[in-house]
Amino acid sequence: MDKSIEFTCWKEDDSIEVQLEPEASVFVVQPGNLIKFDPIKPSDDFKWVLRVSHTDKSIQLYPDGSNEGVRIYENNTLIEELIY
């Protein structure tokens, strides 16, 4: 089962900041773009937990469960790989 999560902005939307925890790495989803977070070898019980801040239009993204890291894609192109 796919355990990835994606964030997208329509062309008319404002950008969204996604802060990946626990590293506090910030990724900005620009209008018309998509950013995907794909856990590496997640456990069966792995899931994502979100905290949404409507005030500053940002999201904190917490991996919950074991995995070996996260691959981050922008518009289906790998932009970063974080290994734990």
PDB file of N, CA and C in Angstrom:
ATOM      1  N   MET A   1       0.834  -1.176   0.000  1.00  0.00           N
ATOM      2  CA  MET A   1       0.000   0.000   0.000  1.00  0.00           C
ATOM      3  C   MET A   1       0.884   1.247   0.000  1.00  0.00           C
ATOM      4  N   ASP A   2       0.504   2.228  -0.809  1.00  0.00           N
ATOM      5  CA  ASP A   2       1.246   3.477  -0.925  1.00  0.00           C
ATOM      6  C   ASP A   2       1.059   4.318   0.340  1.00  0.00           C
ATOM      7  N   LYS A   3       2.144   4.743   0.941  1.00  0.00           N
ATOM      8  CA  LYS A   3       2.098   5.528   2.179  1.00  0.00           C
ATOM      9  C   LYS A   3       2.538   6.974   1.930  1.00  0.00           C
ATOM     10  N   SER A   4       2.636   7.377   0.676  1.00  0.00           N
ATOM     11  CA  SER A   4       3.073   8.739   0.369  1.00  0.00           C
ATOM     12  C   SER A   4       1.927   9.727   0.579  1.00  0.00           C
ATOM     13  N   ILE A   5       2.296  11.004   0.682  1.00  0.00           N
ATOM     14  CA  ILE A   5       1.320  12.078   0.817  1.00  0.00           C
ATOM     15  C   ILE A   5       1.750  13.199  -0.120  1.00  0.00           C
ATOM     16  N   GLU A   6       0.767  13.830  -0.762  1.00  0.00           N
ATOM     17  CA  GLU A   6       1.053  14.888  -1.731  1.00  0.00           C
ATOM     18  C   GLU A   6       0.321  16.168  -1.358  1.00  0.00           C
ATOM     19  N   PHE A   7       0.966  17.296  -1.689  1.00  0.00           N
ATOM     20  CA  PHE A   7       0.368  18.611  -1.513  1.00  0.00           C
ATOM     21  C   PHE A   7       0.465  19.334  -2.851  1.00  0.00           C
ATOM     22  N   THR A   8      -0.620  19.973  -3.250  1.00  0.00           N
ATOM     23  CA  THR A   8      -0.624  20.700  -4.512  1.00  0.00           C
ATOM     24  C   THR A   8      -1.285  22.052  -4.332  1.00  0.00           C
ATOM     25  N   CYS A   9      -0.912  22.979  -5.179  1.00  0.00           N
ATOM     26  CA  CYS A   9      -1.551  24.297  -5.226  1.00  0.00           C
ATOM     27  C   CYS A   9      -2.059  24.502  -6.646  1.00  0.00           C
ATOM     28  N   TRP A  10      -3.281  24.964  -6.759  1.00  0.00           N
ATOM     29  CA  TRP A  10      -3.795  25.361  -8.068  1.00  0.00           C
ATOM     30  C   TRP A  10      -3.083  26.644  -8.475  1.00  0.00           C
ATOM     31  N   LYS A  11      -3.116  26.966  -9.734  1.00  0.00           N
ATOM     32  CA  LYS A  11      -2.388  28.142 -10.236  1.00  0.00           C
ATOM     33  C   LYS A  11      -2.832  29.442  -9.584  1.00  0.00           C
ATOM     34  N   GLU A  12      -4.071  29.517  -9.138  1.00  0.00           N
ATOM     35  CA  GLU A  12      -4.587  30.741  -8.511  1.00  0.00           C
ATOM     36  C   GLU A  12      -4.358  30.772  -6.997  1.00  0.00           C
ATOM     37  N   ASP A  13      -3.869  29.682  -6.416  1.00  0.00           N
ATOM     38  CA  ASP A  13      -3.670  29.587  -4.965  1.00  0.00           C
ATOM     39  C   ASP A  13      -2.408  30.312  -4.518  1.00  0.00           C
ATOM     40  N   ASP A  14      -2.372  30.631  -3.223  1.00  0.00           N
ATOM     41  CA  ASP A  14      -1.143  31.103  -2.605  1.00  0.00           C
ATOM     42  C   ASP A  14      -0.255  29.885  -2.335  1.00  0.00           C
ATOM     43  N   SER A  15       1.047  30.114  -2.213  1.00  0.00           N
ATOM     44  CA  SER A  15       1.958  29.008  -1.904  1.00  0.00           C
ATOM     45  C   SER A  15       1.695  28.500  -0.487  1.00  0.00           C
ATOM     46  N   ILE A  16       2.132  27.263  -0.236  1.00  0.00           N
ATOM     47  CA  ILE A  16       1.971  26.613   1.067  1.00  0.00           C
ATOM     48  C   ILE A  16       3.345  26.134   1.523  1.00  0.00           C
ATOM     49  N   GLU A  17       3.680  26.399   2.787  1.00  0.00           N
ATOM     50  CA  GLU A  17       4.903  25.858   3.365  1.00  0.00           C
ATOM     51  C   GLU A  17       4.582  24.549   4.074  1.00  0.00           C
ATOM     52  N   VAL A  18       5.375  23.515   3.789  1.00  0.00           N
ATOM     53  CA  VAL A  18       5.243  22.230   4.472  1.00  0.00           C
ATOM     54  C   VAL A  18       6.550  21.993   5.221  1.00  0.00           C
ATOM     55  N   GLN A  19       6.440  21.886   6.536  1.00  0.00           N
ATOM     56  CA  GLN A  19       7.618  21.648   7.378  1.00  0.00           C
ATOM     57  C   GLN A  19       7.642  20.185   7.777  1.00  0.00           C
ATOM     58  N   LEU A  20       8.638  19.454   7.284  1.00  0.00           N
ATOM     59  CA  LEU A  20       8.786  18.037   7.584  1.00  0.00           C
ATOM     60  C   LEU A  20       9.521  17.877   8.905  1.00  0.00           C
ATOM     61  N   GLU A  21       8.878  17.218   9.845  1.00  0.00           N
ATOM     62  CA  GLU A  21       9.458  16.979  11.161  1.00  0.00           C
ATOM     63  C   GLU A  21      10.072  15.579  11.204  1.00  0.00           C
ATOM     64  N   PRO A  22      10.992  15.279  12.071  1.00  0.00           N
ATOM     65  CA  PRO A  22      11.543  16.125  13.120  1.00  0.00           C
ATOM     66  C   PRO A  22      12.692  17.017  12.647  1.00  0.00           C
ATOM     67  N   GLU A  23      13.072  16.944  11.366  1.00  0.00           N
ATOM     68  CA  GLU A  23      14.206  17.725  10.870  1.00  0.00           C
ATOM     69  C   GLU A  23      13.895  19.207  10.736  1.00  0.00           C
ATOM     70  N   ALA A  24      12.608  19.566  10.695  1.00  0.00           N
ATOM     71  CA  ALA A  24      12.158  20.948  10.484  1.00  0.00           C
ATOM     72  C   ALA A  24      12.595  21.474   9.118  1.00  0.00           C
ATOM     73  N   SER A  25      12.700  20.574   8.132  1.00  0.00           N
ATOM     74  CA  SER A  25      13.012  20.973   6.760  1.00  0.00           C
ATOM     75  C   SER A  25      11.751  21.567   6.141  1.00  0.00           C
ATOM     76  N   VAL A  26      11.877  22.733   5.513  1.00  0.00           N
ATOM     77  CA  VAL A  26      10.726  23.413   4.942  1.00  0.00           C
ATOM     78  C   VAL A  26      10.752  23.289   3.416  1.00  0.00           C
ATOM     79  N   PHE A  27       9.602  22.901   2.861  1.00  0.00           N
ATOM     80  CA  PHE A  27       9.411  22.798   1.425  1.00  0.00           C
ATOM     81  C   PHE A  27       8.228  23.668   1.057  1.00  0.00           C
ATOM     82  N   VAL A  28       8.362  24.450  -0.002  1.00  0.00           N
ATOM     83  CA  VAL A  28       7.306  25.368  -0.400  1.00  0.00           C
ATOM     84  C   VAL A  28       6.630  24.829  -1.653  1.00  0.00           C
ATOM     85  N   VAL A  29       5.314  24.673  -1.550  1.00  0.00           N
ATOM     86  CA  VAL A  29       4.515  24.252  -2.704  1.00  0.00           C
ATOM     87  C   VAL A  29       4.074  25.532  -3.412  1.00  0.00           C
ATOM     88  N   GLN A  30       4.608  25.753  -4.586  1.00  0.00           N
ATOM     89  CA  GLN A  30       4.288  26.947  -5.370  1.00  0.00           C
ATOM     90  C   GLN A  30       3.018  26.720  -6.181  1.00  0.00           C
ATOM     91  N   PRO A  31       2.318  27.789  -6.557  1.00  0.00           N
ATOM     92  CA  PRO A  31       1.121  27.646  -7.390  1.00  0.00           C
ATOM     93  C   PRO A  31       1.412  26.843  -8.660  1.00  0.00           C
ATOM     94  N   GLY A  32       0.549  25.869  -8.929  1.00  0.00           N
ATOM     95  CA  GLY A  32       0.699  25.011 -10.096  1.00  0.00           C
ATOM     96  C   GLY A  32       1.628  23.835  -9.894  1.00  0.00           C
ATOM     97  N   ASN A  33       2.191  23.674  -8.692  1.00  0.00           N
ATOM     98  CA  ASN A  33       3.141  22.596  -8.421  1.00  0.00           C
ATOM     99  C   ASN A  33       2.587  21.575  -7.443  1.00  0.00           C
ATOM    100  N   LEU A  34       3.292  20.452  -7.360  1.00  0.00           N
ATOM    101  CA  LEU A  34       2.942  19.365  -6.457  1.00  0.00           C
ATOM    102  C   LEU A  34       4.210  18.915  -5.740  1.00  0.00           C
ATOM    103  N   ILE A  35       4.126  18.703  -4.428  1.00  0.00           N
ATOM    104  CA  ILE A  35       5.237  18.125  -3.669  1.00  0.00           C
ATOM    105  C   ILE A  35       4.733  16.855  -2.994  1.00  0.00           C
ATOM    106  N   LYS A  36       5.506  15.782  -3.158  1.00  0.00           N
ATOM    107  CA  LYS A  36       5.137  14.464  -2.639  1.00  0.00           C
ATOM    108  C   LYS A  36       6.200  14.009  -1.646  1.00  0.00           C
ATOM    109  N   PHE A  37       5.744  13.480  -0.505  1.00  0.00           N
ATOM    110  CA  PHE A  37       6.612  12.914   0.522  1.00  0.00           C
ATOM    111  C   PHE A  37       6.376  11.409   0.528  1.00  0.00           C
ATOM    112  N   ASP A  38       7.428  10.650   0.250  1.00  0.00           N
ATOM    113  CA  ASP A  38       7.323   9.202   0.091  1.00  0.00           C
ATOM    114  C   ASP A  38       8.244   8.515   1.100  1.00  0.00           C
ATOM    115  N   PRO A  39       7.680   7.860   2.136  1.00  0.00           N
ATOM    116  CA  PRO A  39       8.532   7.202   3.128  1.00  0.00           C
ATOM    117  C   PRO A  39       9.282   6.016   2.513  1.00  0.00           C
ATOM    118  N   ILE A  40      10.510   5.819   2.976  1.00  0.00           N
ATOM    119  CA  ILE A  40      11.339   4.714   2.497  1.00  0.00           C
ATOM    120  C   ILE A  40      11.147   3.524   3.434  1.00  0.00           C
ATOM    121  N   LYS A  41      10.699   2.422   2.910  1.00  0.00           N
ATOM    122  CA  LYS A  41      10.454   1.181   3.655  1.00  0.00           C
ATOM    123  C   LYS A  41       9.626   1.416   4.924  1.00  0.00           C
ATOM    124  N   PRO A  42       8.408   1.934   4.778  1.00  0.00           N
ATOM    125  CA  PRO A  42       7.572   2.192   5.962  1.00  0.00           C
ATOM    126  C   PRO A  42       7.030   0.893   6.562  1.00  0.00           C
ATOM    127  N   SER A  43       6.797   0.924   7.872  1.00  0.00           N
ATOM    128  CA  SER A  43       6.166  -0.221   8.536  1.00  0.00           C
ATOM    129  C   SER A  43       4.701  -0.281   8.127  1.00  0.00           C
ATOM    130  N   ASP A  44       4.067  -1.412   8.399  1.00  0.00           N
ATOM    131  CA  ASP A  44       2.657  -1.573   8.048  1.00  0.00           C
ATOM    132  C   ASP A  44       1.761  -0.555   8.733  1.00  0.00           C
ATOM    133  N   ASP A  45       2.134  -0.128   9.938  1.00  0.00           N
ATOM    134  CA  ASP A  45       1.304   0.816  10.685  1.00  0.00           C
ATOM    135  C   ASP A  45       1.719   2.279  10.483  1.00  0.00           C
ATOM    136  N   PHE A  46       2.617   2.544   9.528  1.00  0.00           N
ATOM    137  CA  PHE A  46       3.077   3.910   9.271  1.00  0.00           C
ATOM    138  C   PHE A  46       1.930   4.779   8.775  1.00  0.00           C
ATOM    139  N   LYS A  47       1.910   6.043   9.257  1.00  0.00           N
ATOM    140  CA  LYS A  47       0.944   7.024   8.767  1.00  0.00           C
ATOM    141  C   LYS A  47       1.555   8.412   8.938  1.00  0.00           C
ATOM    142  N   TRP A  48       0.928   9.406   8.328  1.00  0.00           N
ATOM    143  CA  TRP A  48       1.331  10.796   8.458  1.00  0.00           C
ATOM    144  C   TRP A  48       0.376  11.513   9.402  1.00  0.00           C
ATOM    145  N   VAL A  49       0.923  12.428  10.194  1.00  0.00           N
ATOM    146  CA  VAL A  49       0.116  13.277  11.059  1.00  0.00           C
ATOM    147  C   VAL A  49       0.365  14.716  10.604  1.00  0.00           C
ATOM    148  N   LEU A  50      -0.723  15.491  10.465  1.00  0.00           N
ATOM    149  CA  LEU A  50      -0.633  16.870   9.998  1.00  0.00           C
ATOM    150  C   LEU A  50      -1.051  17.847  11.080  1.00  0.00           C
ATOM    151  N   ARG A  51      -0.369  18.960  11.135  1.00  0.00           N
ATOM    152  CA  ARG A  51      -0.808  20.103  11.932  1.00  0.00           C
ATOM    153  C   ARG A  51      -0.902  21.267  10.961  1.00  0.00           C
ATOM    154  N   VAL A  52      -2.094  21.830  10.813  1.00  0.00           N
ATOM    155  CA  VAL A  52      -2.339  22.904   9.860  1.00  0.00           C
ATOM    156  C   VAL A  52      -2.439  24.228  10.596  1.00  0.00           C
ATOM    157  N   SER A  53      -1.692  25.216  10.139  1.00  0.00           N
ATOM    158  CA  SER A  53      -1.784  26.576  10.663  1.00  0.00           C
ATOM    159  C   SER A  53      -2.440  27.436   9.592  1.00  0.00           C
ATOM    160  N   HIS A  54      -3.674  27.818   9.821  1.00  0.00           N
ATOM    161  CA  HIS A  54      -4.396  28.647   8.854  1.00  0.00           C
ATOM    162  C   HIS A  54      -3.876  30.077   8.858  1.00  0.00           C
ATOM    163  N   THR A  55      -3.316  30.511   9.983  1.00  0.00           N
ATOM    164  CA  THR A  55      -2.820  31.881  10.107  1.00  0.00           C
ATOM    165  C   THR A  55      -1.676  32.156   9.143  1.00  0.00           C
ATOM    166  N   ASP A  56      -0.686  31.264   9.117  1.00  0.00           N
ATOM    167  CA  ASP A  56       0.463  31.497   8.237  1.00  0.00           C
ATOM    168  C   ASP A  56       0.495  30.551   7.037  1.00  0.00           C
ATOM    169  N   LYS A  57      -0.621  29.876   6.770  1.00  0.00           N
ATOM    170  CA  LYS A  57      -0.755  28.994   5.597  1.00  0.00           C
ATOM    171  C   LYS A  57       0.385  27.988   5.518  1.00  0.00           C
ATOM    172  N   SER A  58       0.572  27.275   6.615  1.00  0.00           N
ATOM    173  CA  SER A  58       1.635  26.279   6.644  1.00  0.00           C
ATOM    174  C   SER A  58       1.122  24.972   7.242  1.00  0.00           C
ATOM    175  N   ILE A  59       1.895  23.928   7.001  1.00  0.00           N
ATOM    176  CA  ILE A  59       1.566  22.587   7.479  1.00  0.00           C
ATOM    177  C   ILE A  59       2.818  21.998   8.104  1.00  0.00           C
ATOM    178  N   GLN A  60       2.669  21.392   9.283  1.00  0.00           N
ATOM    179  CA  GLN A  60       3.732  20.578   9.856  1.00  0.00           C
ATOM    180  C   GLN A  60       3.367  19.128   9.564  1.00  0.00           C
ATOM    181  N   LEU A  61       4.316  18.385   9.038  1.00  0.00           N
ATOM    182  CA  LEU A  61       4.107  17.006   8.626  1.00  0.00           C
ATOM    183  C   LEU A  61       4.981  16.095   9.480  1.00  0.00           C
ATOM    184  N   TYR A  62       4.341  15.194  10.216  1.00  0.00           N
ATOM    185  CA  TYR A  62       5.038  14.292  11.132  1.00  0.00           C
ATOM    186  C   TYR A  62       4.894  12.848  10.654  1.00  0.00           C
ATOM    187  N   PRO A  63       6.010  12.143  10.417  1.00  0.00           N
ATOM    188  CA  PRO A  63       5.906  10.710  10.158  1.00  0.00           C
ATOM    189  C   PRO A  63       5.605   9.984  11.467  1.00  0.00           C
ATOM    190  N   ASP A  64       4.645   9.073  11.445  1.00  0.00           N
ATOM    191  CA  ASP A  64       4.256   8.326  12.644  1.00  0.00           C
ATOM    192  C   ASP A  64       4.373   6.840  12.333  1.00  0.00           C
ATOM    193  N   GLY A  65       5.341   6.199  12.944  1.00  0.00           N
ATOM    194  CA  GLY A  65       5.653   4.798  12.669  1.00  0.00           C
ATOM    195  C   GLY A  65       7.065   4.712  12.124  1.00  0.00           C
ATOM    196  N   SER A  66       7.568   3.512  12.006  1.00  0.00           N
ATOM    197  CA  SER A  66       8.965   3.366  11.577  1.00  0.00           C
ATOM    198  C   SER A  66       9.096   3.401  10.058  1.00  0.00           C
ATOM    199  N   ASN A  67      10.186   3.993   9.638  1.00  0.00           N
ATOM    200  CA  ASN A  67      10.586   4.027   8.235  1.00  0.00           C
ATOM    201  C   ASN A  67      12.066   4.382   8.215  1.00  0.00           C
ATOM    202  N   GLU A  68      12.689   4.268   7.050  1.00  0.00           N
ATOM    203  CA  GLU A  68      14.136   4.505   6.952  1.00  0.00           C
ATOM    204  C   GLU A  68      14.479   5.904   6.458  1.00  0.00           C
ATOM    205  N   GLY A  69      13.482   6.686   6.124  1.00  0.00           N
ATOM    206  CA  GLY A  69      13.720   8.028   5.601  1.00  0.00           C
ATOM    207  C   GLY A  69      12.568   8.445   4.708  1.00  0.00           C
ATOM    208  N   VAL A  70      12.759   9.568   4.038  1.00  0.00           N
ATOM    209  CA  VAL A  70      11.709  10.113   3.177  1.00  0.00           C
ATOM    210  C   VAL A  70      12.338  10.640   1.901  1.00  0.00           C
ATOM    211  N   ARG A  71      11.705  10.318   0.780  1.00  0.00           N
ATOM    212  CA  ARG A  71      12.076  10.906  -0.504  1.00  0.00           C
ATOM    213  C   ARG A  71      11.070  12.017  -0.796  1.00  0.00           C
ATOM    214  N   ILE A  72      11.578  13.160  -1.258  1.00  0.00           N
ATOM    215  CA  ILE A  72      10.713  14.292  -1.554  1.00  0.00           C
ATOM    216  C   ILE A  72      10.792  14.565  -3.057  1.00  0.00           C
ATOM    217  N   TYR A  73       9.623  14.641  -3.671  1.00  0.00           N
ATOM    218  CA  TYR A  73       9.507  14.875  -5.105  1.00  0.00           C
ATOM    219  C   TYR A  73       8.765  16.183  -5.353  1.00  0.00           C
ATOM    220  N   GLU A  74       9.219  16.938  -6.339  1.00  0.00           N
ATOM    221  CA  GLU A  74       8.473  18.098  -6.809  1.00  0.00           C
ATOM    222  C   GLU A  74       8.119  17.839  -8.264  1.00  0.00           C
ATOM    223  N   ASN A  75       6.824  17.841  -8.543  1.00  0.00           N
ATOM    224  CA  ASN A  75       6.333  17.540  -9.896  1.00  0.00           C
ATOM    225  C   ASN A  75       6.946  16.241 -10.423  1.00  0.00           C
ATOM    226  N   ASN A  76       6.977  15.221  -9.566  1.00  0.00           N
ATOM    227  CA  ASN A  76       7.462  13.866  -9.869  1.00  0.00           C
ATOM    228  C   ASN A  76       8.965  13.767 -10.116  1.00  0.00           C
ATOM    229  N   THR A  77       9.728  14.794  -9.751  1.00  0.00           N
ATOM    230  CA  THR A  77      11.184  14.760  -9.850  1.00  0.00           C
ATOM    231  C   THR A  77      11.758  14.751  -8.440  1.00  0.00           C
ATOM    232  N   LEU A  78      12.619  13.783  -8.148  1.00  0.00           N
ATOM    233  CA  LEU A  78      13.251  13.686  -6.826  1.00  0.00           C
ATOM    234  C   LEU A  78      14.088  14.931  -6.564  1.00  0.00           C
ATOM    235  N   ILE A  79      13.791  15.628  -5.441  1.00  0.00           N
ATOM    236  CA  ILE A  79      14.565  16.828  -5.101  1.00  0.00           C
ATOM    237  C   ILE A  79      15.402  16.637  -3.846  1.00  0.00           C
ATOM    238  N   GLU A  80      15.019  15.671  -3.015  1.00  0.00           N
ATOM    239  CA  GLU A  80      15.780  15.433  -1.778  1.00  0.00           C
ATOM    240  C   GLU A  80      15.457  14.051  -1.230  1.00  0.00           C
ATOM    241  N   GLU A  81      16.448  13.465  -0.565  1.00  0.00           N
ATOM    242  CA  GLU A  81      16.259  12.186   0.118  1.00  0.00           C
ATOM    243  C   GLU A  81      16.857  12.310   1.513  1.00  0.00           C
ATOM    244  N   LEU A  82      16.008  12.152   2.524  1.00  0.00           N
ATOM    245  CA  LEU A  82      16.458  12.232   3.909  1.00  0.00           C
ATOM    246  C   LEU A  82      16.495  10.824   4.493  1.00  0.00           C
ATOM    247  N   ILE A  83      17.652  10.365   4.913  1.00  0.00           N
ATOM    248  CA  ILE A  83      17.827   9.029   5.472  1.00  0.00           C
ATOM    249  C   ILE A  83      18.001   9.176   6.986  1.00  0.00           C
ATOM    250  N   TYR A  84      17.307   8.354   7.745  1.00  0.00           N
ATOM    251  CA  TYR A  84      17.393   8.426   9.206  1.00  0.00           C
ATOM    252  C   TYR A  84      18.421   7.439   9.723  1.00  0.00           C
TER     253      TYR A  84
END
